[in-house]
Amino acid sequence: MSESHTFAFRTAVPADIAAVVTLVESAYRGDSGRRGWTTESDLLDGQRTDSDGVAGLLGRDDSIVLLAERDGELLGCCHIEHQGDAGYFGMFAVNPTLQNGGVGRALLTEAERLVRDRWQCLAMRMTVIEQRPELIAWYERRGYQRTGEFRPFPYGDARFGLPRREDLRFEWMVKTLVGADA
């Protein structure tokens, strides 16, 4: 477990699955998500993740669900995965009542460190819903660049939510990780 800004980081284990699902759902869906600024409630209904999805991430090689905690309380989480010379970053969630308090920034920094140091990745990649300009801007302030590459939203697959509009798509963003050794 590593410490930063009074946050402790650790890798999730199966006993954490229910808490991770609850956190992710609270950050992205429904009225609880509206307490923070990362909600997707205006774009999507339905679930953001489920126990089977999180369990699947825990069971894959080169895949980590990273947790940020303080005094044993789950504050945030993300998923990182080794994909060739880049890491993939996703399922990023911070308790809506704690957003803008440095948890997300610290968690992202730790995820980048792990991807760089553990897997010697040269970059971190992620997808962000194009219709989330405030979130894209947040990542840009942390060194991520828009690539102009897009991936369609998986319409018809309720595992990813129920779209409230018909123009959703993901844009790839990337950041070069300084100090990565290939």
C-alpha atoms as a PDB file:
ATOM      1  CA  MET A   1       0.000   0.000   0.000  1.00  0.00           C
ATOM      2  CA  SER A   2       1.379   3.403  -0.896  1.00  0.00           C
ATOM      3  CA  GLU A   3       0.444   6.777   0.624  1.00  0.00           C
ATOM      4  CA  SER A   4      -0.068  10.177  -1.022  1.00  0.00           C
ATOM      5  CA  HIS A   5      -1.848  13.322   0.177  1.00  0.00           C
ATOM      6  CA  THR A   6      -3.190  11.312   3.152  1.00  0.00           C
ATOM      7  CA  PHE A   7      -4.732   8.804   0.757  1.00  0.00           C
ATOM      8  CA  ALA A   8      -3.740   5.144   0.823  1.00  0.00           C
ATOM      9  CA  PHE A   9      -3.713   3.173  -2.431  1.00  0.00           C
ATOM     10  CA  ARG A  10      -4.168  -0.560  -2.804  1.00  0.00           C
ATOM     11  CA  THR A  11      -5.273  -3.150  -5.331  1.00  0.00           C
ATOM     12  CA  ALA A  12      -8.878  -4.294  -5.009  1.00  0.00           C
ATOM     13  CA  VAL A  13      -9.638  -7.876  -4.022  1.00  0.00           C
ATOM     14  CA  PRO A  14     -12.896  -9.826  -4.455  1.00  0.00           C
ATOM     15  CA  ALA A  15     -14.159  -8.646  -1.042  1.00  0.00           C
ATOM     16  CA  ASP A  16     -14.108  -5.056  -2.435  1.00  0.00           C
ATOM     17  CA  ILE A  17     -16.407  -5.714  -5.411  1.00  0.00           C
ATOM     18  CA  ALA A  18     -19.684  -4.553  -3.811  1.00  0.00           C
ATOM     19  CA  ALA A  19     -18.106  -1.339  -2.496  1.00  0.00           C
ATOM     20  CA  VAL A  20     -16.547  -0.577  -5.899  1.00  0.00           C
ATOM     21  CA  VAL A  21     -19.880  -1.071  -7.689  1.00  0.00           C
ATOM     22  CA  THR A  22     -21.648   1.165  -5.161  1.00  0.00           C
ATOM     23  CA  LEU A  23     -19.003   3.886  -5.549  1.00  0.00           C
ATOM     24  CA  VAL A  24     -19.037   3.819  -9.356  1.00  0.00           C
ATOM     25  CA  GLU A  25     -22.832   3.902  -9.515  1.00  0.00           C
ATOM     26  CA  SER A  26     -22.990   6.779  -7.012  1.00  0.00           C
ATOM     27  CA  ALA A  27     -20.480   8.839  -9.008  1.00  0.00           C
ATOM     28  CA  TYR A  28     -22.042   8.394 -12.435  1.00  0.00           C
ATOM     29  CA  ARG A  29     -25.769   7.724 -12.146  1.00  0.00           C
ATOM     30  CA  GLY A  30     -28.895   9.101 -10.563  1.00  0.00           C
ATOM     31  CA  ASP A  31     -29.311  11.890  -8.054  1.00  0.00           C
ATOM     32  CA  SER A  32     -26.242  10.935  -6.009  1.00  0.00           C
ATOM     33  CA  GLY A  33     -24.037  11.493  -9.051  1.00  0.00           C
ATOM     34  CA  ARG A  34     -25.433  14.997  -9.454  1.00  0.00           C
ATOM     35  CA  ARG A  35     -23.743  15.974  -6.171  1.00  0.00           C
ATOM     36  CA  GLY A  36     -20.411  15.784  -7.981  1.00  0.00           C
ATOM     37  CA  TRP A  37     -19.367  17.099 -11.346  1.00  0.00           C
ATOM     38  CA  THR A  38     -18.543  13.759 -13.018  1.00  0.00           C
ATOM     39  CA  THR A  39     -22.111  12.522 -13.406  1.00  0.00           C
ATOM     40  CA  GLU A  40     -23.313  11.076 -16.682  1.00  0.00           C
ATOM     41  CA  SER A  41     -26.956  11.260 -15.538  1.00  0.00           C
ATOM     42  CA  ASP A  42     -27.919  13.709 -18.308  1.00  0.00           C
ATOM     43  CA  LEU A  43     -26.463  11.377 -20.926  1.00  0.00           C
ATOM     44  CA  LEU A  44     -27.185   7.880 -19.613  1.00  0.00           C
ATOM     45  CA  ASP A  45     -29.594   5.992 -17.398  1.00  0.00           C
ATOM     46  CA  GLY A  46     -29.223   2.438 -16.147  1.00  0.00           C
ATOM     47  CA  GLN A  47     -26.132   0.909 -14.655  1.00  0.00           C
ATOM     48  CA  ARG A  48     -22.514   2.002 -15.083  1.00  0.00           C
ATOM     49  CA  THR A  49     -21.076  -1.314 -13.902  1.00  0.00           C
ATOM     50  CA  ASP A  50     -22.041  -4.422 -11.972  1.00  0.00           C
ATOM     51  CA  SER A  51     -20.481  -7.064  -9.751  1.00  0.00           C
ATOM     52  CA  ASP A  52     -19.759  -9.426 -12.633  1.00  0.00           C
ATOM     53  CA  GLY A  53     -18.028  -6.669 -14.587  1.00  0.00           C
ATOM     54  CA  VAL A  54     -15.800  -5.673 -11.683  1.00  0.00           C
ATOM     55  CA  ALA A  55     -15.054  -9.319 -10.852  1.00  0.00           C
ATOM     56  CA  GLY A  56     -14.011  -9.814 -14.469  1.00  0.00           C
ATOM     57  CA  LEU A  57     -11.524  -6.946 -14.224  1.00  0.00           C
ATOM     58  CA  LEU A  58     -10.034  -8.438 -11.052  1.00  0.00           C
ATOM     59  CA  GLY A  59      -9.660 -11.827 -12.706  1.00  0.00           C
ATOM     60  CA  ARG A  60      -7.716 -10.680 -15.783  1.00  0.00           C
ATOM     61  CA  ASP A  61      -3.951 -10.740 -16.202  1.00  0.00           C
ATOM     62  CA  ASP A  62      -2.333  -7.292 -16.429  1.00  0.00           C
ATOM     63  CA  SER A  63      -5.465  -5.672 -14.976  1.00  0.00           C
ATOM     64  CA  ILE A  64      -5.763  -3.813 -11.668  1.00  0.00           C
ATOM     65  CA  VAL A  65      -8.654  -2.093  -9.943  1.00  0.00           C
ATOM     66  CA  LEU A  66      -6.884   0.535  -7.868  1.00  0.00           C
ATOM     67  CA  LEU A  67      -8.515   1.912  -4.718  1.00  0.00           C
ATOM     68  CA  ALA A  68      -7.919   5.195  -2.883  1.00  0.00           C
ATOM     69  CA  GLU A  69      -8.813   5.074   0.810  1.00  0.00           C
ATOM     70  CA  ARG A  70      -8.476   7.164   3.920  1.00  0.00           C
ATOM     71  CA  ASP A  71      -8.845   5.541   7.334  1.00  0.00           C
ATOM     72  CA  GLY A  72     -10.324   2.446   5.669  1.00  0.00           C
ATOM     73  CA  GLU A  73     -13.027   4.411   3.798  1.00  0.00           C
ATOM     74  CA  LEU A  74     -13.195   3.939   0.019  1.00  0.00           C
ATOM     75  CA  LEU A  75     -12.840   7.372  -1.602  1.00  0.00           C
ATOM     76  CA  GLY A  76     -12.144   6.535  -5.226  1.00  0.00           C
ATOM     77  CA  CYS A  77     -11.265   3.811  -7.695  1.00  0.00           C
ATOM     78  CA  CYS A  78     -10.060   3.246 -11.225  1.00  0.00           C
ATOM     79  CA  HIS A  79      -9.191   0.387 -13.521  1.00  0.00           C
ATOM     80  CA  ILE A  80      -5.816   0.167 -15.248  1.00  0.00           C
ATOM     81  CA  GLU A  81      -4.752  -2.432 -17.759  1.00  0.00           C
ATOM     82  CA  HIS A  82      -1.553  -3.230 -19.610  1.00  0.00           C
ATOM     83  CA  GLN A  83      -2.202  -3.051 -23.357  1.00  0.00           C
ATOM     84  CA  GLY A  84       1.059  -3.317 -25.295  1.00  0.00           C
ATOM     85  CA  ASP A  85       3.229  -0.231 -24.808  1.00  0.00           C
ATOM     86  CA  ALA A  86       0.360   1.725 -23.206  1.00  0.00           C
ATOM     87  CA  GLY A  87      -1.772   1.448 -20.154  1.00  0.00           C
ATOM     88  CA  TYR A  88      -5.538   1.801 -20.364  1.00  0.00           C
ATOM     89  CA  PHE A  89      -7.325   3.907 -17.722  1.00  0.00           C
ATOM     90  CA  GLY A  90     -11.030   3.554 -17.005  1.00  0.00           C
ATOM     91  CA  MET A  91     -13.810   3.079 -14.453  1.00  0.00           C
ATOM     92  CA  PHE A  92     -12.581   6.218 -12.687  1.00  0.00           C
ATOM     93  CA  ALA A  93     -14.858   7.206  -9.821  1.00  0.00           C
ATOM     94  CA  VAL A  94     -14.593   9.445  -6.762  1.00  0.00           C
ATOM     95  CA  ASN A  95     -17.221   9.752  -4.038  1.00  0.00           C
ATOM     96  CA  PRO A  96     -19.381  12.668  -5.296  1.00  0.00           C
ATOM     97  CA  THR A  97     -19.215  14.467  -1.937  1.00  0.00           C
ATOM     98  CA  LEU A  98     -15.390  14.443  -2.101  1.00  0.00           C
ATOM     99  CA  GLN A  99     -14.908  15.579  -5.702  1.00  0.00           C
ATOM    100  CA  ASN A 100     -12.665  18.620  -6.111  1.00  0.00           C
ATOM    101  CA  GLY A 101     -10.752  17.562  -2.988  1.00  0.00           C
ATOM    102  CA  GLY A 102      -7.668  16.090  -4.668  1.00  0.00           C
ATOM    103  CA  VAL A 103      -8.685  12.413  -4.516  1.00  0.00           C
ATOM    104  CA  GLY A 104      -9.094  12.059  -8.269  1.00  0.00           C
ATOM    105  CA  ARG A 105      -5.860  13.840  -9.087  1.00  0.00           C
ATOM    106  CA  ALA A 106      -3.922  11.679  -6.598  1.00  0.00           C
ATOM    107  CA  LEU A 107      -5.560   8.486  -7.865  1.00  0.00           C
ATOM    108  CA  LEU A 108      -4.796   9.328 -11.499  1.00  0.00           C
ATOM    109  CA  THR A 109      -1.173  10.125 -10.592  1.00  0.00           C
ATOM    110  CA  GLU A 110      -0.813   6.794  -8.768  1.00  0.00           C
ATOM    111  CA  ALA A 111      -2.375   4.918 -11.703  1.00  0.00           C
ATOM    112  CA  GLU A 112       0.094   6.566 -14.094  1.00  0.00           C
ATOM    113  CA  ARG A 113       2.990   5.655 -11.783  1.00  0.00           C
ATOM    114  CA  LEU A 114       1.902   2.019 -11.620  1.00  0.00           C
ATOM    115  CA  VAL A 115       1.464   1.726 -15.381  1.00  0.00           C
ATOM    116  CA  ARG A 116       4.880   3.322 -15.977  1.00  0.00           C
ATOM    117  CA  ASP A 117       6.834   1.508 -13.265  1.00  0.00           C
ATOM    118  CA  ARG A 118       5.170  -1.921 -13.174  1.00  0.00           C
ATOM    119  CA  TRP A 119       4.557  -2.410 -16.874  1.00  0.00           C
ATOM    120  CA  GLN A 120       7.105   0.042 -18.344  1.00  0.00           C
ATOM    121  CA  CYS A 121       4.369   1.608 -20.469  1.00  0.00           C
ATOM    122  CA  LEU A 122       5.209   4.662 -22.533  1.00  0.00           C
ATOM    123  CA  ALA A 123       1.718   6.165 -22.418  1.00  0.00           C
ATOM    124  CA  MET A 124      -1.691   6.056 -20.771  1.00  0.00           C
ATOM    125  CA  ARG A 125      -4.785   5.880 -22.976  1.00  0.00           C
ATOM    126  CA  MET A 126      -8.437   6.279 -22.139  1.00  0.00           C
ATOM    127  CA  THR A 127     -11.784   6.930 -23.737  1.00  0.00           C
ATOM    128  CA  VAL A 128     -14.045   9.780 -22.655  1.00  0.00           C
ATOM    129  CA  ILE A 129     -17.585  10.431 -23.833  1.00  0.00           C
ATOM    130  CA  GLU A 130     -17.195  13.254 -26.336  1.00  0.00           C
ATOM    131  CA  GLN A 131     -20.181  15.076 -24.861  1.00  0.00           C
ATOM    132  CA  ARG A 132     -18.319  15.587 -21.539  1.00  0.00           C
ATOM    133  CA  PRO A 133     -16.297  18.753 -22.304  1.00  0.00           C
ATOM    134  CA  GLU A 134     -15.671  19.554 -18.617  1.00  0.00           C
ATOM    135  CA  LEU A 135     -14.172  16.104 -18.049  1.00  0.00           C
ATOM    136  CA  ILE A 136     -12.082  16.298 -21.224  1.00  0.00           C
ATOM    137  CA  ALA A 137     -10.770  19.686 -20.058  1.00  0.00           C
ATOM    138  CA  TRP A 138      -9.886  18.198 -16.632  1.00  0.00           C
ATOM    139  CA  TYR A 139      -7.804  15.485 -18.322  1.00  0.00           C
ATOM    140  CA  GLU A 140      -6.181  18.032 -20.645  1.00  0.00           C
ATOM    141  CA  ARG A 141      -5.046  20.019 -17.588  1.00  0.00           C
ATOM    142  CA  ARG A 142      -3.320  16.821 -16.435  1.00  0.00           C
ATOM    143  CA  GLY A 143      -1.399  16.391 -19.685  1.00  0.00           C
ATOM    144  CA  TYR A 144      -3.797  14.246 -21.737  1.00  0.00           C
ATOM    145  CA  GLN A 145      -4.326  15.096 -25.372  1.00  0.00           C
ATOM    146  CA  ARG A 146      -7.320  14.519 -27.581  1.00  0.00           C
ATOM    147  CA  THR A 147      -6.405  12.201 -30.428  1.00  0.00           C
ATOM    148  CA  GLY A 148      -9.293  12.793 -32.816  1.00  0.00           C
ATOM    149  CA  GLU A 149      -9.821   9.007 -32.783  1.00  0.00           C
ATOM    150  CA  PHE A 150     -13.335   7.913 -31.868  1.00  0.00           C
ATOM    151  CA  ARG A 151     -15.049   4.710 -30.831  1.00  0.00           C
ATOM    152  CA  PRO A 152     -18.803   4.262 -31.135  1.00  0.00           C
ATOM    153  CA  PHE A 153     -20.938   4.041 -28.008  1.00  0.00           C
ATOM    154  CA  PRO A 154     -22.203   0.453 -27.523  1.00  0.00           C
ATOM    155  CA  TYR A 155     -25.887   1.212 -28.120  1.00  0.00           C
ATOM    156  CA  GLY A 156     -28.113  -1.738 -27.294  1.00  0.00           C
ATOM    157  CA  ASP A 157     -25.783  -3.141 -24.611  1.00  0.00           C
ATOM    158  CA  ALA A 158     -27.404  -2.286 -21.267  1.00  0.00           C
ATOM    159  CA  ARG A 159     -24.153  -3.178 -19.458  1.00  0.00           C
ATOM    160  CA  PHE A 160     -22.889   0.272 -20.493  1.00  0.00           C
ATOM    161  CA  GLY A 161     -26.028   2.202 -19.603  1.00  0.00           C
ATOM    162  CA  LEU A 162     -29.167   3.308 -21.371  1.00  0.00           C
ATOM    163  CA  PRO A 163     -28.402   6.308 -23.612  1.00  0.00           C
ATOM    164  CA  ARG A 164     -30.626   9.360 -23.309  1.00  0.00           C
ATOM    165  CA  ARG A 165     -29.447  10.691 -26.693  1.00  0.00           C
ATOM    166  CA  GLU A 166     -28.423   9.226 -30.040  1.00  0.00           C
ATOM    167  CA  ASP A 167     -25.115  10.983 -30.702  1.00  0.00           C
ATOM    168  CA  LEU A 168     -22.864   9.531 -27.986  1.00  0.00           C
ATOM    169  CA  ARG A 169     -19.376   8.376 -28.858  1.00  0.00           C
ATOM    170  CA  PHE A 170     -16.038   7.982 -27.121  1.00  0.00           C
ATOM    171  CA  GLU A 171     -12.903   9.947 -27.935  1.00  0.00           C
ATOM    172  CA  TRP A 172      -9.482   8.485 -27.242  1.00  0.00           C
ATOM    173  CA  MET A 173      -7.137  10.601 -25.117  1.00  0.00           C
ATOM    174  CA  VAL A 174      -3.464   9.863 -24.498  1.00  0.00           C
ATOM    175  CA  LYS A 175      -0.637  11.065 -22.280  1.00  0.00           C
ATOM    176  CA  THR A 176       3.053  10.260 -22.633  1.00  0.00           C
ATOM    177  CA  LEU A 177       4.387   8.938 -19.325  1.00  0.00           C
ATOM    178  CA  VAL A 178       7.678  10.650 -18.484  1.00  0.00           C
ATOM    179  CA  GLY A 179      10.382   8.307 -17.269  1.00  0.00           C
ATOM    180  CA  ALA A 180       8.946   5.174 -18.920  1.00  0.00           C
ATOM    181  CA  ASP A 181      11.628   2.762 -20.067  1.00  0.00           C
ATOM    182  CA  ALA A 182      10.693   0.608 -23.053  1.00  0.00           C
END
